[in-house]
């Protein structure tokens, strides 16, 4: 079953999660500690979840988790004197 815009939105969500993970990885490689790789592992799990989404409802759940994780990672980075940018998250099509 084809769900309008879902494939492109999944790609955008994956790109956002990868961007957060890349920024996190860069900061960890510079010496910041991600305690037990908690954020990194959560991001990896969300990337996997995104791939499995078959509906907008499922993707919206991932987006909500991703936005929360984006805020958590931004706060963590801020605590270490680093900046992050706000990412544009996809929105479901209007009915």
Protein backbone atom coordinates (compact mmCIF):
# COMPACT_ATOMS: atom_id res chain seq x y z
CA UNK A 1 0.00 0.00 0.00
CA UNK A 2 1.35 3.40 -0.99
CA UNK A 3 1.21 6.09 1.68
CA UNK A 4 1.63 9.59 0.16
CA UNK A 5 4.89 11.26 1.11
CA UNK A 6 5.88 8.57 3.62
CA UNK A 7 9.02 7.42 1.80
CA UNK A 8 10.43 10.95 1.48
CA UNK A 9 9.50 11.74 5.09
CA UNK A 10 11.24 8.58 6.31
CA UNK A 11 14.37 9.65 4.44
CA UNK A 12 14.18 13.12 6.02
CA UNK A 13 13.76 11.62 9.51
CA UNK A 14 16.71 9.28 8.92
CA UNK A 15 18.81 12.21 7.70
CA UNK A 16 17.94 14.20 10.85
CA UNK A 17 18.75 11.30 13.16
CA UNK A 18 22.03 10.70 11.33
CA UNK A 19 22.91 14.41 11.64
CA UNK A 20 22.31 14.32 15.40
CA UNK A 21 24.34 11.12 15.68
CA UNK A 22 27.19 12.57 13.61
CA UNK A 23 27.35 15.69 15.79
CA UNK A 24 27.29 13.53 18.90
CA UNK A 25 30.04 11.26 17.55
CA UNK A 26 32.21 14.26 16.68
CA UNK A 27 31.85 15.67 20.19
CA UNK A 28 32.54 12.32 21.84
CA UNK A 29 35.68 11.92 19.72
CA UNK A 30 36.78 15.33 21.05
CA UNK A 31 36.59 13.97 24.60
CA UNK A 32 33.02 14.49 25.78
CA UNK A 33 31.41 11.51 27.46
CA UNK A 34 28.13 9.99 26.32
CA UNK A 35 27.58 7.83 29.39
CA UNK A 36 27.44 4.22 28.20
CA UNK A 37 26.71 5.50 24.67
CA UNK A 38 23.13 6.17 25.77
CA UNK A 39 22.30 8.87 23.21
CA UNK A 40 24.15 7.10 20.41
CA UNK A 41 22.27 3.84 21.05
CA UNK A 42 18.90 5.61 21.26
CA UNK A 43 19.60 7.29 17.93
CA UNK A 44 20.58 3.97 16.35
CA UNK A 45 17.35 2.40 17.61
CA UNK A 46 15.29 5.27 16.20
CA UNK A 47 17.01 4.96 12.82
CA UNK A 48 16.04 1.28 12.77
CA UNK A 49 12.47 2.14 13.83
CA UNK A 50 12.21 4.71 11.04
CA UNK A 51 13.07 2.08 8.46
CA UNK A 52 10.27 -0.16 9.76
CA UNK A 53 7.53 2.50 9.68
CA UNK A 54 4.67 1.61 7.38
CA UNK A 55 2.31 4.46 8.22
CA UNK A 56 2.33 8.12 9.14
CA UNK A 57 1.11 7.25 12.64
CA UNK A 58 4.18 5.07 13.22
CA UNK A 59 6.47 7.72 11.74
CA UNK A 60 4.94 10.46 13.90
CA UNK A 61 5.85 8.40 16.99
CA UNK A 62 9.46 8.21 15.78
CA UNK A 63 9.48 11.94 14.98
CA UNK A 64 8.23 12.74 18.49
CA UNK A 65 10.99 10.59 20.01
CA UNK A 66 13.53 12.11 17.63
CA UNK A 67 12.57 15.67 18.56
CA UNK A 68 12.86 14.82 22.25
CA UNK A 69 16.25 13.24 21.69
CA UNK A 70 17.35 16.25 19.61
CA UNK A 71 16.50 18.52 22.57
CA UNK A 72 18.25 16.19 25.05
CA UNK A 73 21.41 16.02 22.92
CA UNK A 74 21.34 19.81 22.37
CA UNK A 75 21.14 20.34 26.14
CA UNK A 76 23.98 17.85 26.66
CA UNK A 77 26.09 19.64 24.04
CA UNK A 78 25.26 23.02 25.55
CA UNK A 79 26.47 21.76 28.90
CA UNK A 80 29.80 21.09 27.20
CA UNK A 81 29.94 24.49 25.50
CA UNK A 82 28.84 23.23 22.07
CA UNK A 83 26.06 24.52 19.83
CA UNK A 84 23.53 22.63 17.76
CA UNK A 85 20.98 23.68 15.19
CA UNK A 86 17.29 22.97 15.17
CA UNK A 87 16.36 20.45 12.48
CA UNK A 88 13.28 20.60 10.24
CA UNK A 89 11.08 17.56 10.88
CA UNK A 90 8.54 16.32 8.33
CA UNK A 91 4.84 16.85 8.88
CA UNK A 92 2.13 14.46 7.70
CA UNK A 93 0.13 15.55 4.66
CA UNK A 94 -3.08 17.45 5.34
CA UNK A 95 -6.28 15.52 4.82
